[in-house]
Amino acid sequence: MGKQGSPRCARPILQNTNSLFSTKDYHIRSSSDFLRASTDPSIGRRILGGDNYWNSKVVLLHGLKDNSGKFTPCKGVYVGKKHTWLRRNVKPIAFMLVLMAFLFLLDSLMVSIFGSINLQGSSPTIPSDAREDDNVVSIHEERPTVQMYGRLLKLASMVLAEKEFKQDSLNFWNEPYHQASKWKPCADKKYRTTPGKPDKSNGYIMVSANGSLNQQRVAICNAVAVASLLNATLVLPKFLYSNVWMDPSQFGDIYQEDYFLRILKDDIDIVKELPPHLKPLDIEAMGTLITDADIVKEAKPDDYITSVLPLLQQNRVVHFLGFSNRLGFDPLLPHLQRLRCKCNFHALKFVLKIQKVGSLLIKRIKKYYAAPRQLDKQLLGDFAPGISPKQHNVARGPSRYLALHLRFEEDMVAYSLCDFGAGDYEKKELEAYREVHFPLLMERLKNSKPVSPVELRKLGRCPLTPEEAALVLAALGFKPETYIYLAGSHIYGGSSRMQPFTSLYPNLVTKETLLTSSELAPFKN
């Protein structure tokens, strides 16, 4: 070992030189260089300075291993040669680096271009007006698939696959009870106890119905029955504006008003508005505003006679606000049930624009014309699809499809207080929805003992998820090729919820897939 003050070499400097050299040597001998040199010798020689370089380097490393503390003449000669080689090959190295950078940028550019082309080609075309309306839905659809019953889905898929090759004895498309073919519409029956219209009315009944189309329809026909029960005149019902549906439609926007009045004219008196002398009355101050909290659900006729009739006779007008399912079915006088059926299945006829688009839906679902049935005529009027002479030979009767209303919209899901397996994000989202749209429910929850989501599900109070609905259809025996028309509004969770359903039943259509944007435009919002 040399001394610290020796002019031949300074010990610290020599240690640093060896360390630096060892580091550079490690980087030069990377695995990629070994592979390039071994697979293409000419490339290895061109970059690294020839085959002799490797021999010199092996000797040099051997020397370092044997005596790393000595600076031999071989080491100094090698360093000099190394710097000479770098100076001689600096331009080729720079050229290779620039070329590699250029190729990398070109590759990135091509990937981005082809990626965008594939994305445009694979995504369905969505009308511009639909994009704005479906912002919430698109957010739900980007979520991962929610699957609660993976094992049952696999089992159902296997069973349905086996049924594909078997002749199924079950036939859901035929009426299983022969006596049912002899049944007649309730509205066609005549009862001896049916009272005629009273000579004098006890007053006017106003109804402001809440909920969606189904609840509104039930409220209308219940109001018809109650008006007959109390010998009252019915004012054409109105619909409350819902901050869930945000639909400003009124009776005349959905149903034919004059037709409704004409069909029921022999049963009850109906007017479009209150008489002028009653319009200025403050009904709430008079105490004749009746909310859903004032009358029990599924109330009996006696409840109306004892609590509502005295108010009607005293003030000449009562106003039912909400009126959701406020008349029971049993016990109910036969003539009142007949009147309710007559209202629901005969008097409520859709306006022409709804009949027209309904006819389009049926034609496109069935894919060809078929013999019209009584229900088609009732729902669609003159727009009911029929058989023309030219199409008579190709018409083979109505094709069969299943119309399914899942009732898994966001408001229903949020109101149920159930857990649907999508984790904390879903819980927080539904909680926020309840705060905005169901403040009365939130107040009631604060003053009552909470019921766990598990208990609610055991009690059967949770709406079926699309996955559960598919399992029910599979258990009933519907085959995978069943053609299904999905009714109702957007499914909460979008495709993340529908994927388990479509995995069992892929032939699924909606009004949005059957109609064009221009055909749907008149019904926007």
Protein backbone atom coordinates (compact mmCIF):
# COMPACT_ATOMS: atom_id res chain seq x y z
CA MET A 1 0.00 0.00 0.00
CA GLY A 2 1.39 3.45 -0.85
CA LYS A 3 1.91 6.18 1.69
CA GLN A 4 -0.41 9.11 2.04
CA GLY A 5 2.15 11.68 0.93
CA SER A 6 3.70 9.72 -1.95
CA PRO A 7 4.06 11.76 -5.14
CA ARG A 8 3.30 8.68 -7.19
CA CYS A 9 -0.33 8.58 -6.25
CA ALA A 10 -2.72 10.06 -3.71
CA ARG A 11 -4.62 7.34 -1.95
CA PRO A 12 -8.05 9.03 -1.70
CA ILE A 13 -8.00 10.04 -5.36
CA LEU A 14 -7.11 6.54 -6.46
CA GLN A 15 -9.97 5.07 -4.45
CA ASN A 16 -12.44 7.50 -6.02
CA THR A 17 -11.11 6.74 -9.49
CA ASN A 18 -11.55 3.02 -8.99
CA SER A 19 -15.05 3.52 -7.59
CA LEU A 20 -16.11 5.75 -10.43
CA PHE A 21 -14.66 3.42 -12.99
CA SER A 22 -16.42 0.42 -11.42
CA THR A 23 -19.78 2.23 -11.57
CA LYS A 24 -19.35 3.17 -15.22
CA ASP A 25 -18.24 -0.34 -15.99
CA TYR A 26 -21.41 -1.73 -14.42
CA HIS A 27 -23.66 0.48 -16.54
CA ILE A 28 -21.86 -0.38 -19.78
CA ARG A 29 -22.25 -4.06 -19.08
CA SER A 30 -26.05 -3.97 -18.74
CA SER A 31 -28.13 -7.00 -19.65
CA SER A 32 -29.43 -5.33 -22.81
CA ASP A 33 -25.86 -4.77 -24.08
CA PHE A 34 -25.02 -8.42 -23.50
CA LEU A 35 -28.12 -9.49 -25.44
CA ARG A 36 -27.43 -7.12 -28.33
CA ALA A 37 -23.82 -8.22 -28.59
CA SER A 38 -24.64 -11.91 -28.42
CA THR A 39 -27.48 -11.80 -30.94
CA ASP A 40 -25.75 -9.52 -33.45
CA PRO A 41 -21.93 -9.43 -33.15
CA SER A 42 -21.56 -6.70 -35.73
CA ILE A 43 -23.76 -4.38 -33.69
CA GLY A 44 -21.82 -5.19 -30.55
CA ARG A 45 -18.51 -4.34 -32.23
CA ARG A 46 -19.82 -1.14 -33.70
CA ILE A 47 -21.14 0.20 -30.41
CA LEU A 48 -18.63 -1.14 -27.96
CA GLY A 49 -15.45 -0.95 -30.04
CA GLY A 50 -14.84 -4.51 -31.26
CA ASP A 51 -14.35 -8.03 -29.94
CA ASN A 52 -11.02 -7.19 -28.32
CA TYR A 53 -12.86 -4.89 -25.93
CA TRP A 54 -14.43 -7.83 -24.11
CA ASN A 55 -11.06 -9.63 -23.72
CA SER A 56 -9.42 -6.51 -22.32
CA LYS A 57 -12.33 -5.98 -19.95
CA VAL A 58 -12.23 -9.53 -18.59
CA VAL A 59 -8.53 -9.15 -17.80
CA LEU A 60 -9.13 -5.77 -16.23
CA LEU A 61 -11.94 -7.06 -13.99
CA HIS A 62 -9.77 -9.97 -12.99
CA GLY A 63 -7.11 -7.56 -11.95
CA LEU A 64 -9.57 -5.51 -9.94
CA LYS A 65 -10.83 -8.62 -8.21
CA ASP A 66 -7.35 -9.84 -7.34
CA ASN A 67 -6.03 -6.54 -6.08
CA SER A 68 -8.51 -3.69 -6.03
CA GLY A 69 -6.21 -1.48 -4.02
CA LYS A 70 -3.44 -1.22 -6.65
CA PHE A 71 -3.48 1.07 -9.65
CA THR A 72 -1.64 -0.92 -12.31
CA PRO A 73 -0.39 0.42 -15.66
CA CYS A 74 -3.08 -1.77 -17.31
CA LYS A 75 -5.79 0.23 -15.61
CA GLY A 76 -4.39 3.54 -16.70
CA VAL A 77 -3.97 2.36 -20.27
CA TYR A 78 -7.56 1.12 -20.32
CA VAL A 79 -8.98 4.41 -19.09
CA GLY A 80 -7.08 6.26 -21.76
CA LYS A 81 -8.36 3.93 -24.46
CA LYS A 82 -11.89 4.27 -23.11
CA HIS A 83 -11.90 8.06 -23.35
CA THR A 84 -10.36 7.85 -26.84
CA TRP A 85 -13.11 5.45 -27.92
CA LEU A 86 -15.85 7.74 -26.55
CA ARG A 87 -14.45 10.77 -28.36
CA ARG A 88 -14.23 8.81 -31.59
CA ASN A 89 -17.84 7.45 -31.35
CA VAL A 90 -19.71 10.39 -29.80
CA LYS A 91 -21.55 11.28 -33.05
CA PRO A 92 -22.84 7.74 -33.74
CA ILE A 93 -24.01 7.45 -30.12
CA ALA A 94 -25.81 10.79 -30.32
CA PHE A 95 -27.38 9.78 -33.63
CA MET A 96 -28.66 6.50 -32.14
CA LEU A 97 -30.15 8.30 -29.14
CA VAL A 98 -31.94 10.81 -31.34
CA LEU A 99 -33.22 8.01 -33.60
CA MET A 100 -34.55 6.04 -30.63
CA ALA A 101 -36.33 9.11 -29.24
CA PHE A 102 -37.90 9.77 -32.65
CA LEU A 103 -39.16 6.18 -32.94
CA PHE A 104 -40.60 6.34 -29.42
CA LEU A 105 -42.54 9.52 -30.21
CA LEU A 106 -43.78 8.06 -33.49
CA ASP A 107 -44.99 4.92 -31.73
CA SER A 108 -46.88 6.96 -29.10
CA LEU A 109 -48.52 9.04 -31.81
CA MET A 110 -49.71 5.99 -33.77
CA VAL A 111 -51.12 4.31 -30.63
CA SER A 112 -53.13 7.42 -29.72
CA ILE A 113 -54.49 7.80 -33.27
CA PHE A 114 -55.61 4.17 -33.63
CA GLY A 115 -56.95 4.12 -30.07
CA SER A 116 -59.27 7.05 -30.75
CA ILE A 117 -60.46 5.48 -34.02
CA ASN A 118 -61.32 2.22 -32.27
CA LEU A 119 -63.14 4.07 -29.48
CA GLN A 120 -65.27 5.99 -31.96
CA GLY A 121 -66.04 2.88 -33.95
CA SER A 122 -67.08 0.79 -30.95
CA SER A 123 -69.25 3.30 -29.08
CA PRO A 124 -72.92 3.62 -30.07
CA THR A 125 -74.16 6.85 -31.57
CA ILE A 126 -76.09 8.86 -28.98
CA PRO A 127 -78.20 11.87 -29.97
CA SER A 128 -76.81 15.13 -28.67
CA ASP A 129 -80.02 15.90 -26.82
CA ALA A 130 -79.87 12.54 -25.08
CA ARG A 131 -76.33 13.05 -23.81
CA GLU A 132 -77.35 16.02 -21.69
CA ASP A 133 -80.29 14.19 -20.17
CA ASP A 134 -78.37 11.01 -19.38
CA ASN A 135 -75.45 12.51 -17.45
CA VAL A 136 -76.45 10.76 -14.24
CA VAL A 137 -77.09 7.49 -16.03
CA SER A 138 -73.72 7.54 -17.79
CA ILE A 139 -72.00 8.03 -14.45
CA HIS A 140 -73.73 4.94 -13.09
CA GLU A 141 -72.86 2.93 -16.19
CA GLU A 142 -69.14 3.52 -15.75
CA ARG A 143 -69.12 1.65 -12.45
CA PRO A 144 -67.90 -1.93 -12.16
CA THR A 145 -70.47 -4.69 -12.44
CA VAL A 146 -72.41 -5.31 -9.23
CA GLN A 147 -73.05 -9.01 -8.67
CA MET A 148 -74.62 -10.30 -5.47
CA TYR A 149 -75.37 -13.92 -6.41
CA GLY A 150 -72.49 -15.13 -8.58
CA ARG A 151 -72.97 -18.82 -7.73
CA LEU A 152 -76.72 -18.73 -8.46
CA LEU A 153 -76.12 -16.95 -11.77
CA LYS A 154 -73.69 -19.66 -12.89
CA LEU A 155 -76.13 -22.36 -11.83
CA ALA A 156 -79.02 -20.65 -13.64
CA SER A 157 -76.90 -20.28 -16.77
CA MET A 158 -76.09 -23.99 -16.76
CA VAL A 159 -79.73 -25.00 -16.26
CA LEU A 160 -80.95 -22.65 -19.02
CA ALA A 161 -78.30 -24.00 -21.38
CA GLU A 162 -79.57 -27.55 -20.78
CA LYS A 163 -83.16 -26.46 -21.44
CA GLU A 164 -82.17 -25.14 -24.85
CA PHE A 165 -82.02 -28.71 -26.12
CA LYS A 166 -85.10 -30.02 -24.32
CA GLN A 167 -88.76 -29.79 -25.20
CA ASP A 168 -90.21 -27.78 -22.35
CA SER A 169 -93.61 -28.91 -21.14
CA LEU A 170 -94.28 -25.49 -19.54
CA ASN A 171 -95.98 -22.96 -21.75
CA PHE A 172 -96.25 -19.48 -20.29
CA TRP A 173 -97.84 -18.10 -23.42
CA ASN A 174 -101.12 -20.01 -23.07
CA GLU A 175 -103.74 -19.46 -20.40
CA PRO A 176 -103.42 -22.46 -18.02
CA TYR A 177 -106.96 -22.16 -16.67
CA HIS A 178 -109.63 -23.05 -19.20
CA GLN A 179 -112.31 -21.24 -17.21
CA ALA A 180 -110.40 -17.97 -17.68
CA SER A 181 -111.27 -17.94 -21.36
CA LYS A 182 -114.91 -17.52 -20.35
CA TRP A 183 -114.26 -14.49 -18.16
CA LYS A 184 -115.74 -11.20 -19.28
CA PRO A 185 -114.62 -7.64 -18.49
CA CYS A 186 -115.92 -6.45 -15.14
CA ALA A 187 -117.19 -3.23 -16.70
CA ASP A 188 -119.56 -5.16 -18.95
CA LYS A 189 -121.44 -6.64 -16.00
CA LYS A 190 -124.76 -5.20 -14.82
CA TYR A 191 -125.70 -5.22 -11.17
CA ARG A 192 -129.15 -4.77 -9.70
CA THR A 193 -127.62 -2.74 -6.90
CA THR A 194 -126.00 -0.28 -9.29
CA PRO A 195 -127.34 3.15 -8.35
CA GLY A 196 -127.95 5.74 -11.00
CA LYS A 197 -126.64 9.27 -10.83
CA PRO A 198 -128.13 11.16 -7.88
CA ASP A 199 -130.67 13.89 -8.52
CA LYS A 200 -128.66 16.26 -6.32
CA SER A 201 -124.91 16.30 -5.76
CA ASN A 202 -123.48 16.56 -2.24
CA GLY A 203 -120.60 18.69 -3.51
CA TYR A 204 -117.38 18.59 -5.48
CA ILE A 205 -114.38 16.30 -5.09
CA MET A 206 -110.99 17.57 -6.22
CA VAL A 207 -107.98 15.28 -6.53
CA SER A 208 -104.30 16.19 -6.94
CA ALA A 209 -102.61 12.83 -7.55
CA ASN A 210 -98.96 12.20 -6.85
CA GLY A 211 -96.49 9.54 -8.00
CA SER A 212 -95.77 8.30 -11.49
CA LEU A 213 -98.13 7.15 -14.22
CA ASN A 214 -99.31 4.00 -12.45
CA GLN A 215 -100.04 5.72 -9.14
CA GLN A 216 -101.82 8.58 -10.91
CA ARG A 217 -103.99 6.15 -12.85
CA VAL A 218 -105.01 4.31 -9.68
CA ALA A 219 -105.79 7.63 -7.96
CA ILE A 220 -108.05 8.73 -10.82
CA CYS A 221 -110.13 5.55 -10.76
CA ASN A 222 -110.32 5.52 -6.95
CA ALA A 223 -111.62 9.10 -7.14
CA VAL A 224 -114.31 7.97 -9.60
CA ALA A 225 -115.42 5.25 -7.19
CA VAL A 226 -115.40 7.60 -4.16
CA ALA A 227 -117.39 10.25 -6.07
CA SER A 228 -120.05 7.63 -6.81
CA LEU A 229 -119.99 6.43 -3.20
CA LEU A 230 -120.52 9.97 -1.79
CA ASN A 231 -122.94 11.15 -4.49
CA ALA A 232 -120.45 13.85 -5.45
CA THR A 233 -119.36 15.59 -8.63
CA LEU A 234 -115.77 14.87 -9.65
CA VAL A 235 -113.53 17.69 -10.87
CA LEU A 236 -111.15 16.42 -13.56
CA PRO A 237 -108.10 15.26 -11.56
CA LYS A 238 -104.80 17.11 -11.61
CA PHE A 239 -101.26 15.76 -11.21
CA LEU A 240 -98.81 17.06 -8.65
CA TYR A 241 -95.41 18.12 -9.97
CA SER A 242 -92.74 15.69 -8.77
CA ASN A 243 -89.16 16.77 -8.22
CA VAL A 244 -88.23 13.16 -9.01
CA TRP A 245 -89.83 12.91 -12.44
CA MET A 246 -89.88 16.65 -13.20
CA ASP A 247 -92.82 16.11 -15.54
CA PRO A 248 -95.28 19.02 -15.87
CA SER A 249 -97.89 16.93 -17.74
CA GLN A 250 -101.53 17.20 -16.73
CA PHE A 251 -104.56 15.00 -17.44
CA GLY A 252 -105.15 16.34 -20.94
CA ASP A 253 -101.50 15.80 -21.93
CA ILE A 254 -101.81 12.04 -21.36
CA TYR A 255 -105.49 11.08 -21.63
CA GLN A 256 -108.36 12.15 -23.88
CA GLU A 257 -110.48 14.37 -21.64
CA ASP A 258 -113.69 14.41 -23.67
CA TYR A 259 -113.60 10.65 -24.15
CA PHE A 260 -113.17 10.17 -20.39
CA LEU A 261 -116.21 12.37 -19.66
CA ARG A 262 -118.33 10.64 -22.29
CA ILE A 263 -117.64 7.05 -21.15
CA LEU A 264 -118.51 7.83 -17.50
CA LYS A 265 -121.40 10.25 -18.09
CA ASP A 266 -124.06 7.68 -17.11
CA ASP A 267 -122.30 6.84 -13.84
CA ILE A 268 -121.11 10.11 -12.27
CA ASP A 269 -121.02 13.82 -13.00
CA ILE A 270 -117.57 15.11 -14.03
CA VAL A 271 -116.61 18.73 -14.68
CA LYS A 272 -113.33 20.19 -15.86
CA GLU A 273 -113.23 22.99 -13.28
CA LEU A 274 -114.87 24.13 -10.06
CA PRO A 275 -117.84 26.47 -10.46
CA PRO A 276 -116.79 30.16 -10.28
CA HIS A 277 -118.44 30.75 -6.88
CA LEU A 278 -116.27 28.02 -5.27
CA LYS A 279 -112.91 28.91 -6.79
CA PRO A 280 -112.09 31.74 -4.32
CA LEU A 281 -112.59 29.48 -1.28
CA ASP A 282 -109.56 28.79 0.94
CA ILE A 283 -110.00 25.03 1.13
CA GLU A 284 -107.11 24.51 3.54
CA ALA A 285 -108.45 27.13 5.96
CA MET A 286 -111.88 25.54 5.76
CA GLY A 287 -110.42 22.22 6.87
CA THR A 288 -111.44 20.28 3.77
CA LEU A 289 -107.94 19.66 2.45
CA ILE A 290 -107.43 15.91 3.01
CA THR A 291 -103.87 14.58 2.77
CA ASP A 292 -102.59 11.01 2.84
CA ALA A 293 -101.92 11.48 6.55
CA ASP A 294 -105.61 12.11 7.18
CA ILE A 295 -106.93 8.89 5.70
CA VAL A 296 -105.53 5.39 6.04
CA LYS A 297 -104.05 3.40 3.21
CA GLU A 298 -106.48 0.95 1.56
CA ALA A 299 -109.36 2.70 3.36
CA LYS A 300 -112.80 1.08 3.39
CA PRO A 301 -115.97 2.76 2.06
CA ASP A 302 -117.21 3.30 5.63
CA ASP A 303 -114.11 5.44 6.34
CA TYR A 304 -115.17 7.88 3.64
CA ILE A 305 -118.80 7.93 4.73
CA THR A 306 -117.96 8.71 8.35
CA SER A 307 -115.04 11.14 7.91
CA VAL A 308 -115.28 12.72 4.45
CA LEU A 309 -119.02 12.92 3.71
CA PRO A 310 -119.81 15.34 6.60
CA LEU A 311 -117.07 17.74 5.42
CA LEU A 312 -118.36 17.52 1.85
CA GLN A 313 -121.94 18.27 2.85
CA GLN A 314 -120.87 21.14 5.08
CA ASN A 315 -118.40 22.92 2.76
CA ARG A 316 -119.56 21.68 -0.66
CA VAL A 317 -115.99 20.82 -1.66
CA VAL A 318 -113.15 18.55 -0.48
CA HIS A 319 -109.67 18.29 -1.92
CA PHE A 320 -107.69 15.01 -1.77
CA LEU A 321 -103.97 15.79 -1.89
CA GLY A 322 -101.81 12.85 -2.94
CA PHE A 323 -104.55 10.18 -2.76
CA SER A 324 -102.09 7.32 -3.18
CA ASN A 325 -103.77 3.91 -2.74
CA ARG A 326 -106.44 5.34 -0.47
CA LEU A 327 -109.25 2.94 -1.39
CA GLY A 328 -109.11 -0.78 -0.66
CA PHE A 329 -110.34 -3.70 -2.75
CA ASP A 330 -111.94 -5.92 -0.17
CA PRO A 331 -114.60 -5.44 0.99
CA LEU A 332 -115.90 -3.23 -1.80
CA LEU A 333 -119.40 -3.09 -3.23
CA PRO A 334 -119.54 -4.81 -6.66
CA HIS A 335 -120.86 -1.77 -8.47
CA LEU A 336 -117.97 0.34 -7.13
CA GLN A 337 -115.44 -2.24 -8.29
CA ARG A 338 -117.15 -2.35 -11.69
CA LEU A 339 -116.94 1.43 -11.92
CA ARG A 340 -113.26 1.40 -11.04
CA CYS A 341 -112.59 -1.20 -13.74
CA LYS A 342 -114.62 0.78 -16.27
CA CYS A 343 -112.50 3.83 -15.52
CA ASN A 344 -109.17 2.03 -15.74
CA PHE A 345 -109.73 -0.20 -18.78
CA HIS A 346 -112.22 1.81 -20.81
CA ALA A 347 -112.45 5.50 -19.90
CA LEU A 348 -108.72 6.28 -19.73
CA LYS A 349 -107.62 6.37 -23.35
CA PHE A 350 -104.22 7.80 -24.32
CA VAL A 351 -104.00 10.91 -26.48
CA LEU A 352 -103.29 10.34 -30.17
CA LYS A 353 -99.56 11.07 -30.08
CA ILE A 354 -99.06 8.42 -27.39
CA GLN A 355 -101.19 5.90 -29.28
CA LYS A 356 -99.16 6.52 -32.42
CA VAL A 357 -95.78 5.96 -30.81
CA GLY A 358 -97.18 2.96 -28.91
CA SER A 359 -98.16 1.41 -32.22
CA LEU A 360 -94.62 1.95 -33.51
CA LEU A 361 -93.20 0.16 -30.49
CA ILE A 362 -95.45 -2.88 -30.98
CA LYS A 363 -94.69 -3.09 -34.69
CA ARG A 364 -90.96 -2.99 -34.10
CA ILE A 365 -91.06 -5.46 -31.25
CA LYS A 366 -93.11 -7.98 -33.23
CA LYS A 367 -91.16 -7.26 -36.43
CA TYR A 368 -94.21 -7.94 -38.58
CA TYR A 369 -97.91 -7.18 -38.64
CA ALA A 370 -100.26 -9.46 -36.74
CA ALA A 371 -103.95 -9.78 -36.10
CA PRO A 372 -104.95 -7.01 -33.63
CA ARG A 373 -106.39 -8.04 -30.30
CA GLN A 374 -108.96 -6.30 -28.12
CA LEU A 375 -106.26 -4.89 -25.83
CA ASP A 376 -104.36 -3.41 -28.78
CA LYS A 377 -107.50 -1.66 -29.96
CA GLN A 378 -108.25 -0.30 -26.51
CA LEU A 379 -104.74 1.04 -25.92
CA LEU A 380 -103.88 2.23 -29.41
CA GLY A 381 -107.24 3.12 -30.94
CA ASP A 382 -107.10 3.59 -34.71
CA PHE A 383 -103.31 3.23 -34.62
CA ALA A 384 -103.49 -0.44 -33.62
CA PRO A 385 -101.37 -2.44 -36.12
CA GLY A 386 -103.35 -4.73 -38.39
CA ILE A 387 -102.92 -6.96 -41.43
CA SER A 388 -103.08 -5.41 -44.87
CA PRO A 389 -103.96 -7.61 -47.91
CA LYS A 390 -100.35 -7.58 -49.11
CA GLN A 391 -99.04 -8.71 -45.75
CA HIS A 392 -101.68 -11.36 -45.09
CA ASN A 393 -99.56 -14.20 -46.41
CA VAL A 394 -96.50 -13.34 -44.34
CA ALA A 395 -98.34 -12.67 -41.08
CA ARG A 396 -98.09 -15.71 -38.82
CA GLY A 397 -99.85 -14.40 -35.73
CA PRO A 398 -98.38 -12.23 -33.00
CA SER A 399 -94.79 -12.86 -31.98
CA ARG A 400 -94.34 -13.39 -28.27
CA TYR A 401 -92.42 -11.10 -25.98
CA LEU A 402 -92.27 -10.37 -22.29
CA ALA A 403 -92.89 -6.80 -21.09
CA LEU A 404 -91.01 -6.27 -17.84
CA HIS A 405 -91.09 -3.30 -15.46
CA LEU A 406 -88.22 -3.78 -13.00
CA ARG A 407 -89.13 -0.78 -10.80
CA PHE A 408 -85.43 -0.36 -9.98
CA GLU A 409 -85.31 3.41 -10.54
CA GLU A 410 -83.29 5.64 -8.24
CA ASP A 411 -86.27 7.00 -6.30
CA MET A 412 -87.60 3.52 -5.54
CA VAL A 413 -84.16 2.26 -4.54
CA ALA A 414 -83.48 5.25 -2.28
CA TYR A 415 -86.90 5.18 -0.60
CA SER A 416 -86.63 1.48 0.27
CA LEU A 417 -83.65 2.09 2.64
CA CYS A 418 -82.22 -1.27 1.51
CA ASP A 419 -78.64 -2.26 0.76
CA PHE A 420 -77.98 -3.43 -2.79
CA GLY A 421 -74.40 -4.60 -2.49
CA ALA A 422 -72.46 -1.78 -4.16
CA GLY A 423 -70.61 -0.62 -1.04
CA ASP A 424 -70.12 2.71 0.71
CA TYR A 425 -70.34 4.80 -2.47
CA GLU A 426 -73.87 3.60 -3.16
CA LYS A 427 -74.94 4.13 0.47
CA LYS A 428 -73.69 7.72 0.46
CA GLU A 429 -75.27 8.46 -2.91
CA LEU A 430 -78.70 7.13 -1.89
CA GLU A 431 -78.48 8.96 1.44
CA ALA A 432 -77.83 12.23 -0.40
CA TYR A 433 -80.75 11.49 -2.75
CA ARG A 434 -83.11 10.96 0.20
CA GLU A 435 -82.02 14.24 1.77
CA VAL A 436 -83.02 16.13 -1.39
CA HIS A 437 -86.12 14.27 -2.58
CA PHE A 438 -87.62 12.69 0.58
CA PRO A 439 -87.22 15.20 3.45
CA LEU A 440 -90.34 13.91 5.23
CA LEU A 441 -88.94 10.39 5.19
CA MET A 442 -85.68 11.64 6.68
CA GLU A 443 -87.55 13.43 9.47
CA ARG A 444 -89.53 10.28 10.22
CA LEU A 445 -86.34 8.22 10.38
CA LYS A 446 -84.87 10.57 12.98
CA ASN A 447 -87.80 9.91 15.32
CA SER A 448 -88.08 6.16 14.84
CA LYS A 449 -86.05 3.07 15.59
CA PRO A 450 -83.91 2.17 12.57
CA VAL A 451 -84.43 -1.14 10.81
CA SER A 452 -81.31 -2.77 9.41
CA PRO A 453 -81.09 -3.36 5.63
CA VAL A 454 -80.68 -7.09 6.33
CA GLU A 455 -83.97 -7.14 8.24
CA LEU A 456 -85.74 -5.17 5.50
CA ARG A 457 -84.62 -7.72 2.94
CA LYS A 458 -85.83 -10.60 5.12
CA LEU A 459 -89.22 -8.90 5.39
CA GLY A 460 -89.45 -8.64 1.60
CA ARG A 461 -89.46 -4.85 1.55
CA CYS A 462 -86.61 -4.41 -0.94
CA PRO A 463 -87.27 -4.03 -4.67
CA LEU A 464 -85.73 -6.77 -6.75
CA THR A 465 -82.44 -5.89 -8.41
CA PRO A 466 -82.15 -6.73 -12.14
CA GLU A 467 -79.95 -9.66 -11.11
CA GLU A 468 -82.65 -11.02 -8.78
CA ALA A 469 -85.33 -10.49 -11.43
CA ALA A 470 -83.29 -12.54 -13.91
CA LEU A 471 -82.98 -15.36 -11.38
CA VAL A 472 -86.77 -15.31 -10.85
CA LEU A 473 -87.39 -15.55 -14.61
CA ALA A 474 -84.88 -18.40 -14.86
CA ALA A 475 -86.55 -20.23 -11.96
CA LEU A 476 -89.94 -19.85 -13.65
CA GLY A 477 -88.49 -21.45 -16.77
CA PHE A 478 -88.19 -18.59 -19.27
CA LYS A 479 -85.56 -19.56 -21.85
CA PRO A 480 -82.55 -17.37 -22.72
CA GLU A 481 -83.93 -16.51 -26.17
CA THR A 482 -87.03 -14.87 -24.62
CA TYR A 483 -87.57 -11.47 -26.19
CA ILE A 484 -87.92 -8.88 -23.39
CA TYR A 485 -89.17 -5.31 -23.60
CA LEU A 486 -87.87 -3.36 -20.61
CA ALA A 487 -90.46 -0.77 -19.59
CA GLY A 488 -90.06 2.16 -17.23
CA SER A 489 -87.37 4.73 -16.66
CA HIS A 490 -83.58 4.39 -16.43
CA ILE A 491 -82.33 1.55 -14.25
CA TYR A 492 -80.36 2.74 -11.25
CA GLY A 493 -76.72 1.82 -11.79
CA GLY A 494 -77.07 1.46 -15.57
CA SER A 495 -75.04 -1.31 -17.20
CA SER A 496 -73.27 -2.13 -13.94
CA ARG A 497 -76.62 -3.42 -12.68
CA MET A 498 -77.98 -4.82 -15.97
CA GLN A 499 -74.96 -6.97 -16.89
CA PRO A 500 -76.02 -9.95 -14.73
CA PHE A 501 -79.51 -9.74 -16.27
CA THR A 502 -78.33 -9.58 -19.88
CA SER A 503 -75.87 -12.42 -19.26
CA LEU A 504 -78.91 -14.69 -18.87
CA TYR A 505 -81.35 -12.87 -21.17
CA PRO A 506 -79.51 -10.98 -23.94
CA ASN A 507 -82.57 -10.21 -26.13
CA LEU A 508 -83.46 -7.01 -24.30
CA VAL A 509 -84.89 -3.85 -25.86
CA THR A 510 -86.17 -0.51 -24.54
CA LYS A 511 -88.10 2.37 -26.01
CA GLU A 512 -84.77 4.16 -26.49
CA THR A 513 -83.43 1.33 -28.66
CA LEU A 514 -86.65 0.88 -30.66
CA LEU A 515 -87.44 4.55 -31.37
CA THR A 516 -85.37 7.28 -32.98
CA SER A 517 -84.51 10.49 -31.17
CA SER A 518 -86.98 12.42 -33.32
CA GLU A 519 -89.78 9.96 -32.45
CA LEU A 520 -89.01 10.35 -28.76
CA ALA A 521 -88.64 14.12 -28.92
CA PRO A 522 -92.35 14.96 -28.29
CA PHE A 523 -92.12 13.12 -24.95
CA LYS A 524 -88.91 14.67 -23.67
CA ASN A 525 -89.16 15.32 -19.92
